[in-house]
Amino acid sequence: MKRSALLTTVVLASSFLGFVSANANTPAFSGNVLIADEGNNRLVLVNYAKKVLWTFPQKGDLAPGQVFKTPDDVFFTSDGKKLVVTESENQMLGIIDIASRKITFEYGVSGKSSTKAGYLHNPDDAMMMSDGRIITADIANCRILFIDPATKKTTQFGKTGSCYHNPPTRYGSPNGAFPMANGNLLVTEINGDWIDEVTTSGKVIWSAHAPKVYYPSDSNEVSPDLYVTVDFVKNGSIVEFNSKGKLIWQYKPKGALALDHPSLATALANKQIIATDDANHRIIVVDPTTNKVVWQYGVKGKTGTKQGYLNNPDGLELAPANSELSKL
């Protein structure tokens, strides 16, 4: 999977820089994983040995009166120097400068949702594009929003508040717009379980139902005509599928091994899958050849802030090689 020419800060692009060779017997990754630990209101960086290397925010990081709540996704900018974070339940998104540990840009109004200019309603998966704009899936407003940080001016795909599948003019509660190798976007729509490939001008290339999924979340490209998504429900699943909506692979363990509201999965270079298992409070790596978890961070079913624990982790990205966070 090559880095998209359009989007420069996404799981499928920058996190591949930390992956190792395609050998199922080797560790899944050699870099550091940055986790959006939503329930703990923090970002936490851990390595493969499960050591905590960095957290945000710490004392003094936030300006007086500034809040940082419910971070549900985090992505690096292409230069590795900044992070773009969504605070979905806090109705905000922002840019964090890693060196200064300061939030340098914010959009939205803390704790308040609206369709009005300057407001968001459950924003998800904010990423920075090569032209400097931020793209985010503004879920409850049913739009894909493009924001210019310099001016806060916006453009969008979809009609605000019109929440049904009819792209490019309507989107049914979109919760992700991830880049593809060809420069297009892979949009996930919750309503109707739709996945769409659209160009950056909004032209629809194809649409398909996510197979065996009730609540698709954060679909992204694995390889040409192979995509991965998760079912964001209790007893959830991870599935790979093609543009016809054909199921290629499914991971849906039962009983004590069951997933609980996984929200994001992406393929590693060794073809294992790294995913958030949100309500089980852990990050996992699954080997599709054995359908077994081969690595995890967090204690299944238990929350905490100490090393080894998470609380409803909703997003992840591996630190790219050009980031200081990869060298810790």
C-alpha atoms as a PDB file:
ATOM      1  CA  MET A   1       0.000   0.000   0.000  1.00  0.00           C
ATOM      2  CA  LYS A   2       1.599   3.263  -1.084  1.00  0.00           C
ATOM      3  CA  ARG A   3       1.074   6.621   0.519  1.00  0.00           C
ATOM      4  CA  SER A   4      -1.759   8.552  -1.100  1.00  0.00           C
ATOM      5  CA  ALA A   5      -0.717  11.634  -3.026  1.00  0.00           C
ATOM      6  CA  LEU A   6      -3.665  13.519  -1.556  1.00  0.00           C
ATOM      7  CA  LEU A   7      -3.823  12.585   2.107  1.00  0.00           C
ATOM      8  CA  THR A   8      -0.666  12.541   4.111  1.00  0.00           C
ATOM      9  CA  THR A   9      -1.682  11.508   7.586  1.00  0.00           C
ATOM     10  CA  VAL A  10      -3.631   8.313   7.907  1.00  0.00           C
ATOM     11  CA  VAL A  11      -3.368   4.811   9.294  1.00  0.00           C
ATOM     12  CA  LEU A  12      -2.833   3.270   5.878  1.00  0.00           C
ATOM     13  CA  ALA A  13      -0.011   5.627   5.017  1.00  0.00           C
ATOM     14  CA  SER A  14       2.250   6.791   7.817  1.00  0.00           C
ATOM     15  CA  SER A  15       1.795   3.783  10.066  1.00  0.00           C
ATOM     16  CA  PHE A  16       3.165   1.452   7.371  1.00  0.00           C
ATOM     17  CA  LEU A  17       6.532   3.064   7.962  1.00  0.00           C
ATOM     18  CA  GLY A  18       6.811   1.086  11.181  1.00  0.00           C
ATOM     19  CA  PHE A  19       5.888  -2.306   9.824  1.00  0.00           C
ATOM     20  CA  VAL A  20       8.333  -5.165   9.402  1.00  0.00           C
ATOM     21  CA  SER A  21       8.677  -7.793   6.708  1.00  0.00           C
ATOM     22  CA  ALA A  22       5.766  -9.987   5.693  1.00  0.00           C
ATOM     23  CA  ASN A  23       6.668 -12.931   7.896  1.00  0.00           C
ATOM     24  CA  ALA A  24       3.960 -14.168  10.215  1.00  0.00           C
ATOM     25  CA  ASN A  25       6.616 -15.469  12.640  1.00  0.00           C
ATOM     26  CA  THR A  26       8.102 -12.021  13.237  1.00  0.00           C
ATOM     27  CA  PRO A  27       6.591  -9.319  15.471  1.00  0.00           C
ATOM     28  CA  ALA A  28       3.737  -7.462  13.856  1.00  0.00           C
ATOM     29  CA  PHE A  29       5.538  -4.125  14.015  1.00  0.00           C
ATOM     30  CA  SER A  30       8.824  -2.608  15.119  1.00  0.00           C
ATOM     31  CA  GLY A  31       7.708   0.947  15.831  1.00  0.00           C
ATOM     32  CA  ASN A  32       5.686   2.685  18.495  1.00  0.00           C
ATOM     33  CA  VAL A  33       1.883   2.682  18.576  1.00  0.00           C
ATOM     34  CA  LEU A  34       0.022   5.891  19.384  1.00  0.00           C
ATOM     35  CA  ILE A  35      -3.377   5.147  20.922  1.00  0.00           C
ATOM     36  CA  ALA A  36      -6.388   7.428  21.322  1.00  0.00           C
ATOM     37  CA  ASP A  37      -7.342   6.323  24.841  1.00  0.00           C
ATOM     38  CA  GLU A  38     -10.776   7.918  24.785  1.00  0.00           C
ATOM     39  CA  GLY A  39     -12.068   6.971  28.223  1.00  0.00           C
ATOM     40  CA  ASN A  40      -8.891   8.243  29.875  1.00  0.00           C
ATOM     41  CA  ASN A  41      -8.958  11.526  27.924  1.00  0.00           C
ATOM     42  CA  ARG A  42      -5.413  11.016  26.698  1.00  0.00           C
ATOM     43  CA  LEU A  43      -3.096   9.890  23.945  1.00  0.00           C
ATOM     44  CA  VAL A  44      -0.620   7.182  24.934  1.00  0.00           C
ATOM     45  CA  LEU A  45       2.399   5.898  22.997  1.00  0.00           C
ATOM     46  CA  VAL A  46       3.574   2.325  23.627  1.00  0.00           C
ATOM     47  CA  ASN A  47       6.134   0.066  22.004  1.00  0.00           C
ATOM     48  CA  TYR A  48       5.940  -3.616  21.070  1.00  0.00           C
ATOM     49  CA  ALA A  49       7.280  -4.501  24.523  1.00  0.00           C
ATOM     50  CA  LYS A  50       4.219  -2.678  25.931  1.00  0.00           C
ATOM     51  CA  LYS A  51       6.175   0.099  27.616  1.00  0.00           C
ATOM     52  CA  VAL A  52       4.543   3.537  27.839  1.00  0.00           C
ATOM     53  CA  LEU A  53       6.845   6.070  26.171  1.00  0.00           C
ATOM     54  CA  TRP A  54       4.795   9.268  25.892  1.00  0.00           C
ATOM     55  CA  THR A  55       1.397  10.624  26.906  1.00  0.00           C
ATOM     56  CA  PHE A  56      -0.660  13.728  26.194  1.00  0.00           C
ATOM     57  CA  PRO A  57      -1.759  15.862  27.904  1.00  0.00           C
ATOM     58  CA  GLN A  58       0.517  16.242  30.897  1.00  0.00           C
ATOM     59  CA  LYS A  59       0.566  19.073  33.412  1.00  0.00           C
ATOM     60  CA  GLY A  60       1.169  22.376  31.618  1.00  0.00           C
ATOM     61  CA  ASP A  61       0.282  21.107  28.133  1.00  0.00           C
ATOM     62  CA  LEU A  62      -3.150  22.741  28.010  1.00  0.00           C
ATOM     63  CA  ALA A  63      -3.726  26.484  28.025  1.00  0.00           C
ATOM     64  CA  PRO A  64      -5.857  27.951  30.831  1.00  0.00           C
ATOM     65  CA  GLY A  65      -9.474  26.964  30.210  1.00  0.00           C
ATOM     66  CA  GLN A  66      -8.534  24.566  27.414  1.00  0.00           C
ATOM     67  CA  VAL A  67      -9.940  21.052  27.565  1.00  0.00           C
ATOM     68  CA  PHE A  68      -8.983  17.761  25.948  1.00  0.00           C
ATOM     69  CA  LYS A  69     -11.776  15.217  26.199  1.00  0.00           C
ATOM     70  CA  THR A  70     -12.737  11.927  24.546  1.00  0.00           C
ATOM     71  CA  PRO A  71      -9.998  11.682  21.897  1.00  0.00           C
ATOM     72  CA  ASP A  72     -11.289   8.939  19.626  1.00  0.00           C
ATOM     73  CA  ASP A  73      -8.839   9.041  16.707  1.00  0.00           C
ATOM     74  CA  VAL A  74      -5.358  10.397  16.102  1.00  0.00           C
ATOM     75  CA  PHE A  75      -3.251  10.654  12.931  1.00  0.00           C
ATOM     76  CA  PHE A  76       0.196  12.066  12.159  1.00  0.00           C
ATOM     77  CA  THR A  77       0.826  14.795   9.622  1.00  0.00           C
ATOM     78  CA  SER A  78       3.159  13.843   6.777  1.00  0.00           C
ATOM     79  CA  ASP A  79       6.159  15.576   8.342  1.00  0.00           C
ATOM     80  CA  GLY A  80       5.662  13.584  11.544  1.00  0.00           C
ATOM     81  CA  LYS A  81       5.676  16.790  13.601  1.00  0.00           C
ATOM     82  CA  LYS A  82       1.998  17.195  14.362  1.00  0.00           C
ATOM     83  CA  LEU A  83      -1.026  15.139  15.334  1.00  0.00           C
ATOM     84  CA  VAL A  84      -4.602  15.627  14.179  1.00  0.00           C
ATOM     85  CA  VAL A  85      -7.076  14.498  16.819  1.00  0.00           C
ATOM     86  CA  THR A  86     -10.850  14.229  16.972  1.00  0.00           C
ATOM     87  CA  GLU A  87     -12.663  14.626  20.293  1.00  0.00           C
ATOM     88  CA  SER A  88     -15.880  13.086  19.052  1.00  0.00           C
ATOM     89  CA  GLU A  89     -18.030  13.312  22.162  1.00  0.00           C
ATOM     90  CA  ASN A  90     -16.591  16.749  22.939  1.00  0.00           C
ATOM     91  CA  GLN A  91     -17.587  17.942  19.429  1.00  0.00           C
ATOM     92  CA  MET A  92     -14.123  19.194  18.531  1.00  0.00           C
ATOM     93  CA  LEU A  93     -11.004  18.435  16.544  1.00  0.00           C
ATOM     94  CA  GLY A  94      -7.536  19.859  16.849  1.00  0.00           C
ATOM     95  CA  ILE A  95      -3.886  19.884  15.819  1.00  0.00           C
ATOM     96  CA  ILE A  96      -1.177  19.119  18.388  1.00  0.00           C
ATOM     97  CA  ASP A  97       2.412  20.237  17.837  1.00  0.00           C
ATOM     98  CA  ILE A  98       4.533  17.366  19.176  1.00  0.00           C
ATOM     99  CA  ALA A  99       7.652  19.412  19.999  1.00  0.00           C
ATOM    100  CA  SER A 100       5.880  22.113  21.986  1.00  0.00           C
ATOM    101  CA  ARG A 101       3.150  19.772  23.287  1.00  0.00           C
ATOM    102  CA  LYS A 102       0.586  22.466  22.525  1.00  0.00           C
ATOM    103  CA  ILE A 103      -2.754  22.397  20.727  1.00  0.00           C
ATOM    104  CA  THR A 104      -2.170  24.886  17.925  1.00  0.00           C
ATOM    105  CA  PHE A 105      -5.550  24.690  16.186  1.00  0.00           C
ATOM    106  CA  GLU A 106      -9.077  23.800  17.254  1.00  0.00           C
ATOM    107  CA  TYR A 107     -12.377  23.585  15.402  1.00  0.00           C
ATOM    108  CA  GLY A 108     -15.776  23.124  16.987  1.00  0.00           C
ATOM    109  CA  VAL A 109     -17.253  24.262  20.299  1.00  0.00           C
ATOM    110  CA  SER A 110     -16.415  22.174  23.354  1.00  0.00           C
ATOM    111  CA  GLY A 111     -19.379  20.126  24.512  1.00  0.00           C
ATOM    112  CA  LYS A 112     -21.813  21.654  22.030  1.00  0.00           C
ATOM    113  CA  SER A 113     -23.039  20.135  18.780  1.00  0.00           C
ATOM    114  CA  SER A 114     -24.755  22.011  15.974  1.00  0.00           C
ATOM    115  CA  THR A 115     -25.200  22.330  12.231  1.00  0.00           C
ATOM    116  CA  LYS A 116     -24.127  25.984  12.417  1.00  0.00           C
ATOM    117  CA  ALA A 117     -20.847  27.247  11.002  1.00  0.00           C
ATOM    118  CA  GLY A 118     -17.971  26.505  13.345  1.00  0.00           C
ATOM    119  CA  TYR A 119     -19.706  23.559  14.985  1.00  0.00           C
ATOM    120  CA  LEU A 120     -19.435  19.794  14.646  1.00  0.00           C
ATOM    121  CA  HIS A 121     -21.575  16.835  15.678  1.00  0.00           C
ATOM    122  CA  ASN A 122     -19.555  13.716  16.511  1.00  0.00           C
ATOM    123  CA  PRO A 123     -16.549  14.345  14.235  1.00  0.00           C
ATOM    124  CA  ASP A 124     -14.494  11.264  13.401  1.00  0.00           C
ATOM    125  CA  ASP A 125     -11.123  10.467  11.794  1.00  0.00           C
ATOM    126  CA  ALA A 126      -9.714  13.922  11.133  1.00  0.00           C
ATOM    127  CA  MET A 127      -6.663  13.864   8.831  1.00  0.00           C
ATOM    128  CA  MET A 128      -4.518  16.520   7.177  1.00  0.00           C
ATOM    129  CA  MET A 129      -4.419  16.665   3.403  1.00  0.00           C
ATOM    130  CA  SER A 130      -1.411  17.637   1.296  1.00  0.00           C
ATOM    131  CA  ASP A 131      -2.878  21.090   0.724  1.00  0.00           C
ATOM    132  CA  GLY A 132      -3.060  21.681   4.482  1.00  0.00           C
ATOM    133  CA  ARG A 133      -6.798  21.234   4.838  1.00  0.00           C
ATOM    134  CA  ILE A 134      -8.290  18.867   7.377  1.00  0.00           C
ATOM    135  CA  ILE A 135     -10.842  16.284   6.288  1.00  0.00           C
ATOM    136  CA  THR A 136     -13.216  14.758   8.833  1.00  0.00           C
ATOM    137  CA  ALA A 137     -16.352  12.644   8.802  1.00  0.00           C
ATOM    138  CA  ASP A 138     -18.883  14.760  10.729  1.00  0.00           C
ATOM    139  CA  ILE A 139     -21.078  11.788  11.589  1.00  0.00           C
ATOM    140  CA  ALA A 140     -24.321  13.172  13.002  1.00  0.00           C
ATOM    141  CA  ASN A 141     -24.309  16.087  10.555  1.00  0.00           C
ATOM    142  CA  CYS A 142     -24.037  13.503   7.741  1.00  0.00           C
ATOM    143  CA  ARG A 143     -21.274  15.204   5.852  1.00  0.00           C
ATOM    144  CA  ILE A 144     -17.618  14.906   4.911  1.00  0.00           C
ATOM    145  CA  LEU A 145     -16.134  18.219   5.956  1.00  0.00           C
ATOM    146  CA  PHE A 146     -12.997  19.920   4.599  1.00  0.00           C
ATOM    147  CA  ILE A 147     -11.575  22.618   6.907  1.00  0.00           C
ATOM    148  CA  ASP A 148      -8.904  25.204   6.129  1.00  0.00           C
ATOM    149  CA  PRO A 149      -7.006  25.757   9.401  1.00  0.00           C
ATOM    150  CA  ALA A 150      -5.781  29.161   8.244  1.00  0.00           C
ATOM    151  CA  THR A 151      -9.251  30.589   7.699  1.00  0.00           C
ATOM    152  CA  LYS A 152     -11.619  27.998   9.233  1.00  0.00           C
ATOM    153  CA  LYS A 153     -13.555  28.119   5.972  1.00  0.00           C
ATOM    154  CA  THR A 154     -15.177  24.823   5.021  1.00  0.00           C
ATOM    155  CA  THR A 155     -16.474  22.873   2.043  1.00  0.00           C
ATOM    156  CA  GLN A 156     -18.243  19.544   2.208  1.00  0.00           C
ATOM    157  CA  PHE A 157     -19.600  16.418   0.580  1.00  0.00           C
ATOM    158  CA  GLY A 158     -23.215  15.626   1.467  1.00  0.00           C
ATOM    159  CA  LYS A 159     -26.079  17.780   2.696  1.00  0.00           C
ATOM    160  CA  THR A 160     -26.005  18.710   6.346  1.00  0.00           C
ATOM    161  CA  GLY A 161     -28.686  16.850   8.277  1.00  0.00           C
ATOM    162  CA  SER A 162     -29.817  14.770   5.305  1.00  0.00           C
ATOM    163  CA  CYS A 163     -28.745  11.332   6.467  1.00  0.00           C
ATOM    164  CA  TYR A 164     -29.249   8.679   3.841  1.00  0.00           C
ATOM    165  CA  HIS A 165     -27.196   6.913   1.186  1.00  0.00           C
ATOM    166  CA  ASN A 166     -27.213   8.758  -2.114  1.00  0.00           C
ATOM    167  CA  PRO A 167     -23.636   9.840  -2.764  1.00  0.00           C
ATOM    168  CA  PRO A 168     -22.254  12.237  -3.683  1.00  0.00           C
ATOM    169  CA  THR A 169     -25.156  14.483  -2.636  1.00  0.00           C
ATOM    170  CA  ARG A 170     -26.146  12.579   0.528  1.00  0.00           C
ATOM    171  CA  TYR A 171     -24.308  10.389   3.011  1.00  0.00           C
ATOM    172  CA  GLY A 172     -25.884   8.234   5.704  1.00  0.00           C
ATOM    173  CA  SER A 173     -23.972   9.081   8.889  1.00  0.00           C
ATOM    174  CA  PRO A 174     -20.430   8.758   7.476  1.00  0.00           C
ATOM    175  CA  ASN A 175     -17.832   7.800  10.082  1.00  0.00           C
ATOM    176  CA  GLY A 176     -14.699   7.688   7.951  1.00  0.00           C
ATOM    177  CA  ALA A 177     -13.167   8.990   4.731  1.00  0.00           C
ATOM    178  CA  PHE A 178      -9.848   7.197   4.318  1.00  0.00           C
ATOM    179  CA  PRO A 179      -7.408   7.596   1.409  1.00  0.00           C
ATOM    180  CA  MET A 180      -6.781   4.962  -1.226  1.00  0.00           C
ATOM    181  CA  ALA A 181      -3.584   4.303  -3.178  1.00  0.00           C
ATOM    182  CA  ASN A 182      -5.118   5.907  -6.275  1.00  0.00           C
ATOM    183  CA  GLY A 183      -5.825   9.177  -4.444  1.00  0.00           C
ATOM    184  CA  ASN A 184      -9.543   8.548  -3.991  1.00  0.00           C
ATOM    185  CA  LEU A 185     -11.399   8.257  -0.697  1.00  0.00           C
ATOM    186  CA  LEU A 186     -13.015   5.227   0.903  1.00  0.00           C
ATOM    187  CA  VAL A 187     -16.111   6.474   2.725  1.00  0.00           C
ATOM    188  CA  THR A 188     -17.927   4.427   5.357  1.00  0.00           C
ATOM    189  CA  GLU A 189     -21.642   5.074   5.880  1.00  0.00           C
ATOM    190  CA  ILE A 190     -23.269   3.676   9.012  1.00  0.00           C
ATOM    191  CA  ASN A 191     -26.822   3.928   7.679  1.00  0.00           C
ATOM    192  CA  GLY A 192     -27.351   0.974   5.376  1.00  0.00           C
ATOM    193  CA  ASP A 193     -23.832  -0.399   5.891  1.00  0.00           C
ATOM    194  CA  TRP A 194     -22.452   1.253   2.769  1.00  0.00           C
ATOM    195  CA  ILE A 195     -18.842   1.599   1.653  1.00  0.00           C
ATOM    196  CA  ASP A 196     -18.132   4.028  -1.209  1.00  0.00           C
ATOM    197  CA  GLU A 197     -15.099   4.854  -3.295  1.00  0.00           C
ATOM    198  CA  VAL A 198     -15.308   8.518  -4.285  1.00  0.00           C
ATOM    199  CA  THR A 199     -12.892  10.895  -5.978  1.00  0.00           C
ATOM    200  CA  THR A 200     -11.743  14.087  -4.298  1.00  0.00           C
ATOM    201  CA  SER A 201     -14.241  15.936  -6.492  1.00  0.00           C
ATOM    202  CA  GLY A 202     -17.041  13.742  -5.145  1.00  0.00           C
ATOM    203  CA  LYS A 203     -17.567  11.374  -8.086  1.00  0.00           C
ATOM    204  CA  VAL A 204     -18.710   7.926  -6.989  1.00  0.00           C
ATOM    205  CA  ILE A 205     -16.636   5.039  -8.396  1.00  0.00           C
ATOM    206  CA  TRP A 206     -18.491   2.227  -6.628  1.00  0.00           C
ATOM    207  CA  SER A 207     -20.712   1.537  -3.635  1.00  0.00           C
ATOM    208  CA  ALA A 208     -21.198  -1.765  -1.844  1.00  0.00           C
ATOM    209  CA  HIS A 209     -22.692  -3.069   1.384  1.00  0.00           C
ATOM    210  CA  ALA A 210     -20.200  -4.077   4.042  1.00  0.00           C
ATOM    211  CA  PRO A 211     -20.700  -7.868   4.290  1.00  0.00           C
ATOM    212  CA  LYS A 212     -21.675  -9.512   7.588  1.00  0.00           C
ATOM    213  CA  VAL A 213     -21.599  -6.123   9.296  1.00  0.00           C
ATOM    214  CA  TYR A 214     -24.323  -4.206  11.127  1.00  0.00           C
ATOM    215  CA  TYR A 215     -22.377  -1.040  12.036  1.00  0.00           C
ATOM    216  CA  PRO A 216     -19.332  -0.541   9.761  1.00  0.00           C
ATOM    217  CA  SER A 217     -16.548   1.660  11.058  1.00  0.00           C
ATOM    218  CA  ASP A 218     -13.418   3.214   9.547  1.00  0.00           C
ATOM    219  CA  SER A 219     -13.098   1.096   6.404  1.00  0.00           C
ATOM    220  CA  ASN A 220      -9.750   1.366   4.652  1.00  0.00           C
ATOM    221  CA  GLU A 221      -7.812  -0.180   1.790  1.00  0.00           C
ATOM    222  CA  VAL A 222      -5.571  -3.211   2.297  1.00  0.00           C
ATOM    223  CA  SER A 223      -4.493  -3.784  -1.331  1.00  0.00           C
ATOM    224  CA  PRO A 224      -6.106  -3.350  -4.767  1.00  0.00           C
ATOM    225  CA  ASP A 225      -9.778  -4.336  -4.416  1.00  0.00           C
ATOM    226  CA  LEU A 226      -9.341  -5.564  -0.854  1.00  0.00           C
ATOM    227  CA  TYR A 227     -10.681  -3.567   2.083  1.00  0.00           C
ATOM    228  CA  VAL A 228     -11.035  -4.024   5.819  1.00  0.00           C
ATOM    229  CA  THR A 229     -13.733  -2.772   8.171  1.00  0.00           C
ATOM    230  CA  VAL A 230     -15.052  -3.604  11.624  1.00  0.00           C
ATOM    231  CA  ASP A 231     -18.505  -4.141  13.091  1.00  0.00           C
ATOM    232  CA  PHE A 232     -18.864  -1.633  15.922  1.00  0.00           C
ATOM    233  CA  VAL A 233     -21.187  -3.718  18.084  1.00  0.00           C
ATOM    234  CA  LYS A 234     -20.982  -6.072  21.043  1.00  0.00           C
ATOM    235  CA  ASN A 235     -19.782  -9.442  19.718  1.00  0.00           C
ATOM    236  CA  GLY A 236     -18.308  -7.487  16.828  1.00  0.00           C
ATOM    237  CA  SER A 237     -16.062  -8.582  14.001  1.00  0.00           C
ATOM    238  CA  ILE A 238     -13.280  -7.645  11.606  1.00  0.00           C
ATOM    239  CA  VAL A 239     -13.932  -8.350   7.922  1.00  0.00           C
ATOM    240  CA  GLU A 240     -12.065  -8.073   4.643  1.00  0.00           C
ATOM    241  CA  PHE A 241     -14.103  -7.643   1.468  1.00  0.00           C
ATOM    242  CA  ASN A 242     -13.946  -6.452  -2.133  1.00  0.00           C
ATOM    243  CA  SER A 243     -15.686  -3.704  -4.089  1.00  0.00           C
ATOM    244  CA  LYS A 244     -18.573  -6.054  -4.904  1.00  0.00           C
ATOM    245  CA  GLY A 245     -19.248  -6.486  -1.205  1.00  0.00           C
ATOM    246  CA  LYS A 246     -17.980 -10.082  -1.240  1.00  0.00           C
ATOM    247  CA  LEU A 247     -16.699 -11.354   2.085  1.00  0.00           C
ATOM    248  CA  ILE A 248     -13.034 -12.442   1.851  1.00  0.00           C
ATOM    249  CA  TRP A 249     -12.222 -13.058   5.527  1.00  0.00           C
ATOM    250  CA  GLN A 250     -13.941 -12.623   8.873  1.00  0.00           C
ATOM    251  CA  TYR A 251     -12.727 -12.658  12.449  1.00  0.00           C
ATOM    252  CA  LYS A 252     -15.648 -13.008  14.850  1.00  0.00           C
ATOM    253  CA  PRO A 253     -14.697 -14.972  17.952  1.00  0.00           C
ATOM    254  CA  LYS A 254     -17.407 -15.985  20.390  1.00  0.00           C
ATOM    255  CA  GLY A 255     -17.778 -16.334  24.141  1.00  0.00           C
ATOM    256  CA  ALA A 256     -14.889 -15.128  26.264  1.00  0.00           C
ATOM    257  CA  LEU A 257     -12.895 -14.243  23.140  1.00  0.00           C
ATOM    258  CA  ALA A 258     -15.605 -12.022  21.617  1.00  0.00           C
ATOM    259  CA  LEU A 259     -14.813  -8.503  20.450  1.00  0.00           C
ATOM    260  CA  ASP A 260     -16.779  -5.644  21.982  1.00  0.00           C
ATOM    261  CA  HIS A 261     -17.316  -2.592  19.775  1.00  0.00           C
ATOM    262  CA  PRO A 262     -14.121  -2.663  17.681  1.00  0.00           C
ATOM    263  CA  SER A 263     -13.895   0.649  15.856  1.00  0.00           C
ATOM    264  CA  LEU A 264     -10.810   0.546  13.626  1.00  0.00           C
ATOM    265  CA  ALA A 265      -8.720  -2.154  11.961  1.00  0.00           C
ATOM    266  CA  THR A 266      -5.926  -1.967   9.429  1.00  0.00           C
ATOM    267  CA  ALA A 267      -3.629  -4.505   7.800  1.00  0.00           C
ATOM    268  CA  LEU A 268       0.041  -4.783   8.647  1.00  0.00           C
ATOM    269  CA  ALA A 269       2.757  -5.595   6.111  1.00  0.00           C
ATOM    270  CA  ASN A 270       2.895  -9.197   7.365  1.00  0.00           C
ATOM    271  CA  LYS A 271      -0.860  -9.457   6.652  1.00  0.00           C
ATOM    272  CA  GLN A 272      -1.803  -9.505  10.300  1.00  0.00           C
ATOM    273  CA  ILE A 273      -4.501  -7.076  11.420  1.00  0.00           C
ATOM    274  CA  ILE A 274      -4.131  -4.473  14.151  1.00  0.00           C
ATOM    275  CA  ALA A 275      -7.390  -3.234  15.637  1.00  0.00           C
ATOM    276  CA  THR A 276      -9.011  -1.425  18.531  1.00  0.00           C
ATOM    277  CA  ASP A 277     -11.264  -3.586  20.702  1.00  0.00           C
ATOM    278  CA  ASP A 278     -12.796  -0.570  22.363  1.00  0.00           C
ATOM    279  CA  ALA A 279     -15.160  -1.833  25.047  1.00  0.00           C
ATOM    280  CA  ASN A 280     -12.725  -4.629  25.929  1.00  0.00           C
ATOM    281  CA  HIS A 281     -10.189  -1.862  26.639  1.00  0.00           C
ATOM    282  CA  ARG A 282      -7.389  -3.201  24.484  1.00  0.00           C
ATOM    283  CA  ILE A 283      -5.511  -2.979  21.190  1.00  0.00           C
ATOM    284  CA  ILE A 284      -5.027  -6.326  19.433  1.00  0.00           C
ATOM    285  CA  VAL A 285      -3.147  -7.879  16.546  1.00  0.00           C
ATOM    286  CA  VAL A 286      -4.902 -10.815  14.866  1.00  0.00           C
ATOM    287  CA  ASP A 287      -3.197 -13.400  12.658  1.00  0.00           C
ATOM    288  CA  PRO A 288      -5.675 -14.262   9.859  1.00  0.00           C
ATOM    289  CA  THR A 289      -3.940 -17.581   9.222  1.00  0.00           C
ATOM    290  CA  THR A 290      -4.798 -18.815  12.720  1.00  0.00           C
ATOM    291  CA  ASN A 291      -7.613 -16.419  13.705  1.00  0.00           C
ATOM    292  CA  LYS A 292      -5.848 -15.832  16.996  1.00  0.00           C
ATOM    293  CA  VAL A 293      -4.767 -12.697  18.842  1.00  0.00           C
ATOM    294  CA  VAL A 294      -0.959 -12.669  18.752  1.00  0.00           C
ATOM    295  CA  TRP A 295      -0.388  -9.369  20.601  1.00  0.00           C
ATOM    296  CA  GLN A 296      -2.409  -7.018  22.735  1.00  0.00           C
ATOM    297  CA  TYR A 297      -2.028  -3.924  24.855  1.00  0.00           C
ATOM    298  CA  GLY A 298      -4.537  -3.456  27.627  1.00  0.00           C
ATOM    299  CA  VAL A 299      -6.242  -5.880  29.969  1.00  0.00           C
ATOM    300  CA  LYS A 300      -9.400  -7.366  28.487  1.00  0.00           C
ATOM    301  CA  GLY A 301     -12.456  -6.172  30.373  1.00  0.00           C
ATOM    302  CA  LYS A 302     -10.568  -3.927  32.813  1.00  0.00           C
ATOM    303  CA  THR A 303      -9.956  -0.177  32.683  1.00  0.00           C
ATOM    304  CA  GLY A 304      -7.063   1.744  34.176  1.00  0.00           C
ATOM    305  CA  THR A 305      -4.517   4.500  33.683  1.00  0.00           C
ATOM    306  CA  LYS A 306      -1.391   2.640  34.775  1.00  0.00           C
ATOM    307  CA  GLN A 307       1.043   1.071  32.327  1.00  0.00           C
ATOM    308  CA  GLY A 308      -0.620  -1.862  30.598  1.00  0.00           C
ATOM    309  CA  TYR A 309      -4.160  -0.476  30.909  1.00  0.00           C
ATOM    310  CA  LEU A 310      -6.518   1.501  28.670  1.00  0.00           C
ATOM    311  CA  ASN A 311     -10.086   2.766  28.825  1.00  0.00           C
ATOM    312  CA  ASN A 312     -12.154   2.465  25.652  1.00  0.00           C
ATOM    313  CA  PRO A 313      -9.300   2.959  23.148  1.00  0.00           C
ATOM    314  CA  ASP A 314     -10.950   4.068  19.909  1.00  0.00           C
ATOM    315  CA  GLY A 315      -8.090   4.882  17.546  1.00  0.00           C
ATOM    316  CA  LEU A 316      -4.479   4.056  16.776  1.00  0.00           C
ATOM    317  CA  GLU A 317      -1.588   4.831  14.468  1.00  0.00           C
ATOM    318  CA  LEU A 318       2.032   3.716  14.343  1.00  0.00           C
ATOM    319  CA  ALA A 319       4.526   6.549  14.657  1.00  0.00           C
ATOM    320  CA  PRO A 320       6.151   7.195  11.243  1.00  0.00           C
ATOM    321  CA  ALA A 321       9.923   7.070  10.924  1.00  0.00           C
ATOM    322  CA  ASN A 322      10.188  10.851  10.510  1.00  0.00           C
ATOM    323  CA  SER A 323       8.484  11.574  13.837  1.00  0.00           C
ATOM    324  CA  GLU A 324      10.249  12.131  17.137  1.00  0.00           C
ATOM    325  CA  LEU A 325       7.685   9.757  18.629  1.00  0.00           C
ATOM    326  CA  SER A 326       9.211   6.898  16.634  1.00  0.00           C
ATOM    327  CA  LYS A 327      12.602   7.470  18.269  1.00  0.00           C
ATOM    328  CA  LEU A 328      11.524   7.279  21.910  1.00  0.00           C
END
